[in-house]
Amino acid sequence: MTSTASRPAVADGVKQGLAQLRIETPSWGYANSGTRFKVFAQPGVPRSPEEKIADAAVVHRLTGAAPSVALHIPWDRVDDYAALAAYATDQGVALGTINANVFQDDDYKLGSVTNPDPRVRRKAIDHLLECVDIMDATGSRDLKLWFSDGTNYPGQDSIRARQDRLTEALRETYDRLGESQRLILEYKLFEPAFYTTDVPDWGTAFAHCLELGPRAQVCIDTGHHAPGTNIEFIVAFLLRAGKLGAFDFNSRFYADDDLMVGAADPFQLFRILHEIVQGGALDPALGIAYMLDQCHNIETKIPAIIRSVMNVQEATAKALLVDADALAAAQRSGDVLAANAVLMDAYNTDVRPLLAQLREESGLDPDPIAAYHRSGYQQQIERDRVGGRQAGWGA
């Protein structure tokens, strides 16, 4: 029997779909990271934004699917952002999403943009506006906002007033954007606040984005949900509403662990990407930014990011293998088992040979991980990056 992935017409369709997939890697993914208890240093970790970009360029050269790197401010603050963008271009990648940081300053103990103190709110909003200035200098399209703002105890602050303050901050930031720039609002169920989180779920983010306007979009972080949440439903809903702007791909087993995407539940990743494919959302014209948001605490950074890119590619390839006509026919006829079988046939297909073939046809090594280990790059950066201050996420 010929496997689905080996039929020429089907294989060509998968290749065409994968050719559209672009995965942004995070600058902080190349730096030291850990838990709230400990950050583990590794040899060869970047000491500057330029070295992070150089590592991201290696990932792109080996996978052919990671052409941009996201920055996090102030972690990636430099004096000349235009020069940093030019350096990235010289390395073969582009600067992507600008991520704001209003959660690591002592002033933000009671919140940033929702803080009851107007001085603190002004400080936080000014940082968001600074990030838009950086977007202007780098040519970045997206400003991604995640707020750790919330409360620890009932009665600590007015829930409604905090939403009013959030609205005001988002409006001022949104109005500062250029015509081709977007505000991407991320949500998270909990952490670090224990009682309420000011943007806890997709509904809250969606409502704020709807009020702001068409250039405000929702970001889905796959680790930011309660256990058992049907994330693919959220994907389908936001796609239908035209409000899905970005993904932060990662994995978790219990709370938000930022593990490698697909590590905990590869079937969930497939289901999510099935909705992406069904909604035609691989098309770059739809503007959805697919990014890894991961903290590689104990594993070597660059191979872990390469593996994550490959995991997204494999799940996407399986989603592209779903026989859409057979699935629609089974759904129309109410044949529950047949419909499920169509999905499972695609999911159970081994797409690795097809992906290896696609890489070879693109002039890439069929095994990016093996190619990285053969390259000697890890040994080189461990030799060259001795001394100086290693980059870290500031925990």
Protein backbone atom coordinates (compact mmCIF):
# COMPACT_ATOMS: atom_id res chain seq x y z
CA MET A 1 0.00 0.00 0.00
CA THR A 2 1.28 3.49 -0.86
CA SER A 3 1.27 5.86 2.11
CA THR A 4 -0.64 9.12 1.84
CA ALA A 5 2.56 11.15 2.10
CA SER A 6 4.19 9.28 -0.77
CA ARG A 7 1.49 9.99 -3.38
CA PRO A 8 2.99 12.66 -5.69
CA ALA A 9 0.02 15.03 -5.80
CA VAL A 10 -0.48 14.89 -2.05
CA ALA A 11 3.22 15.32 -1.37
CA ASP A 12 3.34 18.36 -3.67
CA GLY A 13 0.46 19.94 -1.76
CA VAL A 14 2.23 19.39 1.55
CA LYS A 15 5.41 20.92 0.18
CA GLN A 16 3.55 23.96 -1.10
CA GLY A 17 1.90 24.45 2.25
CA LEU A 18 5.14 24.06 4.17
CA ALA A 19 6.83 26.56 1.88
CA GLN A 20 4.48 29.21 3.35
CA LEU A 21 5.32 28.38 6.97
CA ARG A 22 7.60 30.88 8.66
CA ILE A 23 8.52 30.45 12.33
CA GLU A 24 9.99 33.35 14.27
CA THR A 25 12.50 32.45 16.97
CA PRO A 26 12.86 34.44 20.21
CA SER A 27 16.08 36.20 21.13
CA TRP A 28 15.60 35.12 24.74
CA GLY A 29 15.43 31.48 23.68
CA TYR A 30 19.16 31.62 22.98
CA ALA A 31 19.98 33.13 26.38
CA ASN A 32 20.25 31.68 29.87
CA SER A 33 16.89 30.89 31.42
CA GLY A 34 15.39 28.83 34.19
CA THR A 35 12.66 28.83 36.78
CA ARG A 36 11.83 31.32 39.50
CA PHE A 37 14.24 29.37 41.67
CA LYS A 38 17.34 29.21 39.49
CA VAL A 39 18.73 30.29 36.13
CA PHE A 40 21.24 27.77 34.80
CA ALA A 41 24.20 29.17 32.87
CA GLN A 42 25.47 27.33 29.79
CA PRO A 43 28.74 27.69 27.88
CA GLY A 44 28.52 29.56 24.60
CA VAL A 45 25.39 31.56 25.50
CA PRO A 46 25.16 34.96 23.73
CA ARG A 47 26.41 38.05 25.50
CA SER A 48 24.74 40.62 23.25
CA PRO A 49 21.75 41.02 20.92
CA GLU A 50 24.13 40.58 17.98
CA GLU A 51 25.24 37.17 19.22
CA LYS A 52 21.60 36.14 19.71
CA ILE A 53 20.90 37.15 16.12
CA ALA A 54 23.93 35.18 14.92
CA ASP A 55 22.55 32.07 16.64
CA ALA A 56 19.10 32.66 15.14
CA ALA A 57 20.70 32.92 11.71
CA VAL A 58 22.25 29.46 12.20
CA VAL A 59 18.81 28.03 12.96
CA HIS A 60 17.42 29.59 9.79
CA ARG A 61 20.29 28.37 7.63
CA LEU A 62 19.75 24.80 8.84
CA THR A 63 15.94 24.72 8.76
CA GLY A 64 15.08 27.24 6.03
CA ALA A 65 11.97 28.11 8.03
CA ALA A 66 13.01 30.65 10.68
CA PRO A 67 13.78 33.90 8.83
CA SER A 68 13.14 36.35 11.68
CA VAL A 69 14.03 36.83 15.32
CA ALA A 70 11.89 38.58 17.93
CA LEU A 71 13.42 41.13 20.29
CA HIS A 72 12.58 41.74 23.94
CA ILE A 73 13.07 45.20 25.39
CA PRO A 74 15.00 46.02 27.58
CA TRP A 75 16.79 42.65 27.32
CA ASP A 76 17.82 43.51 23.75
CA ARG A 77 18.26 47.26 24.15
CA VAL A 78 20.99 48.82 21.97
CA ASP A 79 22.00 52.35 21.07
CA ASP A 80 21.33 51.98 17.34
CA TYR A 81 18.39 49.80 16.32
CA ALA A 82 18.75 50.58 12.63
CA ALA A 83 22.31 49.24 12.80
CA LEU A 84 21.03 46.13 14.60
CA ALA A 85 18.47 45.58 11.84
CA ALA A 86 21.22 45.95 9.24
CA TYR A 87 23.36 43.44 11.12
CA ALA A 88 20.46 40.97 11.11
CA THR A 89 20.04 41.42 7.36
CA ASP A 90 23.74 40.72 6.86
CA GLN A 91 23.29 37.51 8.83
CA GLY A 92 20.40 36.43 6.61
CA VAL A 93 17.51 37.08 8.98
CA ALA A 94 15.22 39.97 9.85
CA LEU A 95 14.15 41.56 13.11
CA GLY A 96 10.57 40.63 13.90
CA THR A 97 8.18 41.24 16.76
CA ILE A 98 9.11 43.72 19.47
CA ASN A 99 8.13 42.43 22.92
CA ALA A 100 7.63 44.92 25.74
CA ASN A 101 8.67 44.23 29.34
CA VAL A 102 6.62 45.84 32.11
CA PHE A 103 7.02 43.08 34.66
CA GLN A 104 10.61 43.26 35.95
CA ASP A 105 10.77 46.62 37.66
CA ASP A 106 10.17 47.14 41.38
CA ASP A 107 7.65 49.85 40.52
CA TYR A 108 5.42 47.17 38.99
CA LYS A 109 4.82 45.25 42.21
CA LEU A 110 1.13 46.22 42.12
CA GLY A 111 0.91 46.22 38.34
CA SER A 112 2.15 48.26 35.40
CA VAL A 113 -0.52 49.77 33.16
CA THR A 114 -3.24 48.85 35.69
CA ASN A 115 -1.32 50.03 38.76
CA PRO A 116 -3.37 52.28 41.06
CA ASP A 117 -0.51 54.83 41.03
CA PRO A 118 -0.74 57.11 37.98
CA ARG A 119 3.03 57.70 38.06
CA VAL A 120 3.71 53.99 37.61
CA ARG A 121 1.10 53.73 34.86
CA ARG A 122 2.77 56.61 33.03
CA LYS A 123 6.14 54.91 33.31
CA ALA A 124 4.74 51.67 31.89
CA ILE A 125 2.94 53.36 29.00
CA ASP A 126 6.05 55.34 28.14
CA HIS A 127 7.91 52.05 27.80
CA LEU A 128 5.24 50.74 25.43
CA LEU A 129 5.61 53.89 23.34
CA GLU A 130 9.39 53.45 23.38
CA CYS A 131 8.84 50.00 21.90
CA VAL A 132 6.87 51.55 19.03
CA ASP A 133 9.79 53.90 18.43
CA ILE A 134 12.01 50.82 18.21
CA MET A 135 9.59 49.27 15.72
CA ASP A 136 9.97 52.37 13.57
CA ALA A 137 13.75 51.98 13.63
CA THR A 138 13.83 48.23 12.94
CA GLY A 139 10.95 48.04 10.47
CA SER A 140 9.09 45.64 12.74
CA ARG A 141 5.39 45.13 12.16
CA ASP A 142 4.19 43.81 15.52
CA LEU A 143 4.26 45.02 19.11
CA LYS A 144 3.46 42.15 21.45
CA LEU A 145 2.12 42.98 24.89
CA TRP A 146 1.90 40.63 27.84
CA PHE A 147 1.01 42.01 31.24
CA SER A 148 1.74 40.28 34.52
CA ASP A 149 -0.70 42.72 36.10
CA GLY A 150 -3.18 41.30 38.58
CA THR A 151 -4.02 41.04 42.27
CA ASN A 152 -3.18 38.55 44.98
CA TYR A 153 -6.08 39.09 47.38
CA PRO A 154 -9.82 39.82 47.18
CA GLY A 155 -10.39 43.50 47.75
CA GLN A 156 -6.80 44.46 46.92
CA ASP A 157 -7.96 46.66 44.03
CA SER A 158 -11.02 47.32 41.92
CA ILE A 159 -11.27 44.73 39.15
CA ARG A 160 -13.34 47.09 37.04
CA ALA A 161 -11.02 50.08 37.56
CA ARG A 162 -8.06 47.97 36.47
CA GLN A 163 -9.85 47.15 33.22
CA ASP A 164 -10.48 50.88 32.70
CA ARG A 165 -6.78 51.61 33.21
CA LEU A 166 -5.83 48.80 30.84
CA THR A 167 -8.17 50.21 28.20
CA GLU A 168 -6.59 53.66 28.48
CA ALA A 169 -3.06 52.30 28.14
CA LEU A 170 -3.92 50.12 25.17
CA ARG A 171 -5.69 53.00 23.43
CA GLU A 172 -2.74 55.37 23.81
CA THR A 173 -0.35 52.72 22.52
CA TYR A 174 -2.61 51.69 19.65
CA ASP A 175 -3.03 55.30 18.53
CA ARG A 176 0.77 55.67 18.37
CA LEU A 177 1.14 52.79 15.88
CA GLY A 178 1.95 53.43 12.25
CA GLU A 179 -0.47 52.38 9.53
CA SER A 180 1.38 49.12 8.85
CA GLN A 181 1.98 48.25 12.50
CA ARG A 182 -0.10 46.06 14.80
CA LEU A 183 -0.71 45.62 18.51
CA ILE A 184 -0.72 41.96 19.55
CA LEU A 185 -2.30 41.29 22.95
CA GLU A 186 -1.30 38.12 24.77
CA TYR A 187 -3.23 36.56 27.64
CA LYS A 188 -2.34 34.21 30.49
CA LEU A 189 -4.56 32.34 32.92
CA PHE A 190 -2.44 33.06 35.99
CA GLU A 191 1.06 33.87 37.27
CA PRO A 192 2.44 35.81 38.92
CA ALA A 193 -0.80 37.13 40.41
CA PHE A 194 -2.66 34.61 42.57
CA TYR A 195 -6.23 35.99 42.67
CA THR A 196 -6.99 37.91 39.47
CA THR A 197 -5.08 38.43 36.25
CA ASP A 198 -6.01 41.51 34.24
CA VAL A 199 -5.77 39.73 30.85
CA PRO A 200 -6.50 36.12 31.87
CA ASP A 201 -8.05 34.61 28.76
CA TRP A 202 -8.75 34.92 25.06
CA GLY A 203 -12.16 36.49 25.65
CA THR A 204 -10.70 39.40 27.58
CA ALA A 205 -7.97 39.91 24.99
CA PHE A 206 -10.51 39.64 22.17
CA ALA A 207 -12.84 42.21 23.75
CA HIS A 208 -10.04 44.74 24.17
CA CYS A 209 -8.78 44.18 20.62
CA LEU A 210 -12.26 44.48 19.20
CA GLU A 211 -12.66 47.84 20.93
CA LEU A 212 -9.27 49.09 19.75
CA GLY A 213 -9.68 48.44 16.04
CA PRO A 214 -8.56 46.27 13.12
CA ARG A 215 -4.82 46.48 13.85
CA ALA A 216 -5.24 45.01 17.33
CA GLN A 217 -5.01 41.22 17.32
CA VAL A 218 -4.90 38.38 19.85
CA CYS A 219 -1.87 36.19 20.52
CA ILE A 220 -2.41 32.59 21.59
CA ASP A 221 0.34 31.20 23.80
CA THR A 222 -0.24 27.46 23.90
CA GLY A 223 0.99 27.21 27.51
CA HIS A 224 -1.30 29.89 28.93
CA HIS A 225 -4.50 27.92 29.45
CA ALA A 226 -6.21 25.88 32.11
CA PRO A 227 -5.70 22.10 31.82
CA GLY A 228 -8.16 20.61 29.37
CA THR A 229 -8.79 23.85 27.46
CA ASN A 230 -9.71 23.20 23.83
CA ILE A 231 -7.18 25.53 22.23
CA GLU A 232 -8.17 24.58 18.69
CA PHE A 233 -11.66 25.96 19.40
CA ILE A 234 -10.07 29.30 20.33
CA VAL A 235 -8.05 29.17 17.11
CA ALA A 236 -11.14 28.52 15.01
CA PHE A 237 -13.14 31.26 16.74
CA LEU A 238 -10.47 33.94 16.43
CA LEU A 239 -9.75 33.01 12.81
CA ARG A 240 -13.43 33.30 12.01
CA ALA A 241 -13.51 36.72 13.68
CA GLY A 242 -10.35 37.88 11.93
CA LYS A 243 -8.66 38.54 15.26
CA LEU A 244 -5.93 35.90 15.45
CA GLY A 245 -2.68 37.78 15.04
CA ALA A 246 0.03 35.56 16.47
CA PHE A 247 1.02 32.29 18.10
CA ASP A 248 3.53 31.69 20.85
CA PHE A 249 4.29 28.00 20.46
CA ASN A 250 5.49 26.01 23.46
CA SER A 251 4.42 23.09 25.65
CA ARG A 252 3.57 22.39 29.26
CA PHE A 253 2.61 19.46 31.43
CA TYR A 254 1.19 21.26 34.47
CA ALA A 255 1.50 25.03 34.60
CA ASP A 256 3.25 27.29 32.09
CA ASP A 257 6.62 25.64 31.61
CA ASP A 258 7.59 26.98 28.16
CA LEU A 259 8.87 23.58 27.09
CA MET A 260 9.69 22.77 23.46
CA VAL A 261 6.59 22.92 21.31
CA GLY A 262 4.96 19.53 20.81
CA ALA A 263 6.88 17.97 23.71
CA ALA A 264 3.88 17.43 25.98
CA ASP A 265 1.03 16.81 23.54
CA PRO A 266 1.98 16.53 19.85
CA PHE A 267 -1.60 15.56 19.02
CA GLN A 268 -2.82 18.88 20.39
CA LEU A 269 -0.29 20.68 18.21
CA PHE A 270 -1.61 18.76 15.20
CA ARG A 271 -5.21 19.65 16.07
CA ILE A 272 -4.31 23.33 16.37
CA LEU A 273 -2.50 23.32 13.04
CA HIS A 274 -5.40 21.47 11.43
CA GLU A 275 -7.57 24.49 12.24
CA ILE A 276 -4.85 26.78 10.88
CA VAL A 277 -4.73 24.83 7.61
CA GLN A 278 -8.52 24.61 7.34
CA GLY A 279 -8.75 28.36 7.83
CA GLY A 280 -6.16 29.03 5.13
CA ALA A 281 -4.06 30.74 7.77
CA LEU A 282 -0.68 29.51 6.55
CA ASP A 283 -0.98 32.14 3.84
CA PRO A 284 1.37 34.99 4.80
CA ALA A 285 -1.23 37.43 3.50
CA LEU A 286 -3.32 36.71 6.60
CA GLY A 287 -0.50 38.11 8.70
CA ILE A 288 -0.43 35.53 11.48
CA ALA A 289 2.98 35.52 13.20
CA TYR A 290 4.09 32.04 14.27
CA MET A 291 6.72 32.29 16.98
CA LEU A 292 8.41 30.05 19.51
CA ASP A 293 8.21 31.33 23.09
CA GLN A 294 10.32 28.90 25.05
CA CYS A 295 12.82 28.78 27.89
CA HIS A 296 15.42 26.09 27.41
CA ASN A 297 16.44 25.58 31.01
CA ILE A 298 18.46 22.36 30.92
CA GLU A 299 18.81 21.58 27.22
CA THR A 300 21.32 23.13 24.82
CA LYS A 301 19.74 26.22 23.29
CA ILE A 302 20.26 26.03 19.54
CA PRO A 303 19.49 22.30 19.07
CA ALA A 304 16.36 22.76 21.19
CA ILE A 305 15.15 25.58 18.97
CA ILE A 306 15.94 23.58 15.83
CA ARG A 307 13.97 20.66 17.26
CA SER A 308 11.04 22.95 18.01
CA VAL A 309 11.01 24.29 14.45
CA MET A 310 11.05 20.71 13.17
CA ASN A 311 8.19 19.77 15.50
CA VAL A 312 6.03 22.56 14.11
CA GLN A 313 6.94 21.51 10.57
CA GLU A 314 5.97 17.89 11.26
CA ALA A 315 2.63 18.83 12.81
CA THR A 316 1.94 21.19 9.90
CA ALA A 317 2.78 18.52 7.35
CA LYS A 318 0.33 16.12 9.01
CA ALA A 319 -2.34 18.81 9.06
CA LEU A 320 -1.77 19.39 5.35
CA LEU A 321 -2.29 15.66 4.75
CA VAL A 322 -5.86 15.72 6.04
CA ASP A 323 -8.18 14.75 3.19
CA ALA A 324 -10.43 17.81 3.32
CA ASP A 325 -12.98 16.41 0.86
CA ALA A 326 -13.33 13.11 2.71
CA LEU A 327 -13.56 14.93 6.02
CA ALA A 328 -16.29 17.27 4.76
CA ALA A 329 -18.26 14.36 3.30
CA ALA A 330 -18.12 12.44 6.56
CA GLN A 331 -19.15 15.54 8.50
CA ARG A 332 -22.10 16.22 6.20
CA SER A 333 -23.32 12.65 6.51
CA GLY A 334 -22.90 12.62 10.26
CA ASP A 335 -20.44 9.73 10.10
CA VAL A 336 -18.58 10.39 13.32
CA LEU A 337 -16.14 7.51 13.08
CA ALA A 338 -15.24 8.20 9.46
CA ALA A 339 -14.59 11.87 10.20
CA ASN A 340 -12.35 11.03 13.10
CA ALA A 341 -10.56 8.38 11.03
CA VAL A 342 -9.67 10.97 8.39
CA LEU A 343 -7.90 13.06 11.01
CA MET A 344 -6.20 10.07 12.61
CA ASP A 345 -4.95 8.76 9.27
CA ALA A 346 -3.17 12.05 8.70
CA TYR A 347 -1.85 12.26 12.24
CA ASN A 348 -0.49 8.72 12.18
CA THR A 349 1.43 9.27 8.94
CA ASP A 350 5.20 9.41 9.28
CA VAL A 351 6.03 12.67 7.50
CA ARG A 352 9.72 12.71 8.36
CA PRO A 353 10.83 11.19 5.02
CA LEU A 354 8.78 13.79 3.16
CA LEU A 355 10.30 16.61 5.20
CA ALA A 356 13.79 15.25 4.63
CA GLN A 357 13.08 15.17 0.88
CA LEU A 358 11.76 18.73 0.97
CA ARG A 359 14.89 19.94 2.74
CA GLU A 360 17.15 18.24 0.23
CA GLU A 361 15.21 19.78 -2.64
CA SER A 362 15.73 23.16 -0.97
CA GLY A 363 19.47 22.61 -0.68
CA LEU A 364 19.35 21.88 3.05
CA ASP A 365 20.65 18.95 5.05
CA PRO A 366 17.79 16.44 5.54
CA ASP A 367 18.64 16.25 9.27
CA PRO A 368 19.13 19.77 10.69
CA ILE A 369 20.07 18.52 14.16
CA ALA A 370 22.81 16.26 12.81
CA ALA A 371 23.98 19.07 10.54
CA TYR A 372 24.29 21.40 13.53
CA HIS A 373 26.37 18.92 15.49
CA ARG A 374 28.64 18.38 12.48
CA SER A 375 29.05 22.10 11.89
CA GLY A 376 31.20 22.69 14.95
CA TYR A 377 29.25 25.87 15.73
CA GLN A 378 28.56 24.86 19.32
CA GLN A 379 32.23 24.25 19.98
CA GLN A 380 33.10 27.54 18.29
CA ILE A 381 30.77 29.67 20.40
CA GLU A 382 31.87 27.93 23.58
CA ARG A 383 35.46 28.91 22.75
CA ASP A 384 34.72 32.41 21.51
CA ARG A 385 32.19 33.54 24.12
CA VAL A 386 34.33 33.19 27.19
CA GLY A 387 34.19 36.32 29.32
CA GLY A 388 31.69 39.13 29.35
CA ARG A 389 28.19 38.95 30.75
CA GLN A 390 25.98 36.23 29.40
CA ALA A 391 22.50 37.23 28.30
CA GLY A 392 19.67 36.02 30.47
CA TRP A 393 16.03 36.68 31.04
CA GLY A 394 16.71 38.62 34.24
CA ALA A 395 15.12 36.25 36.77
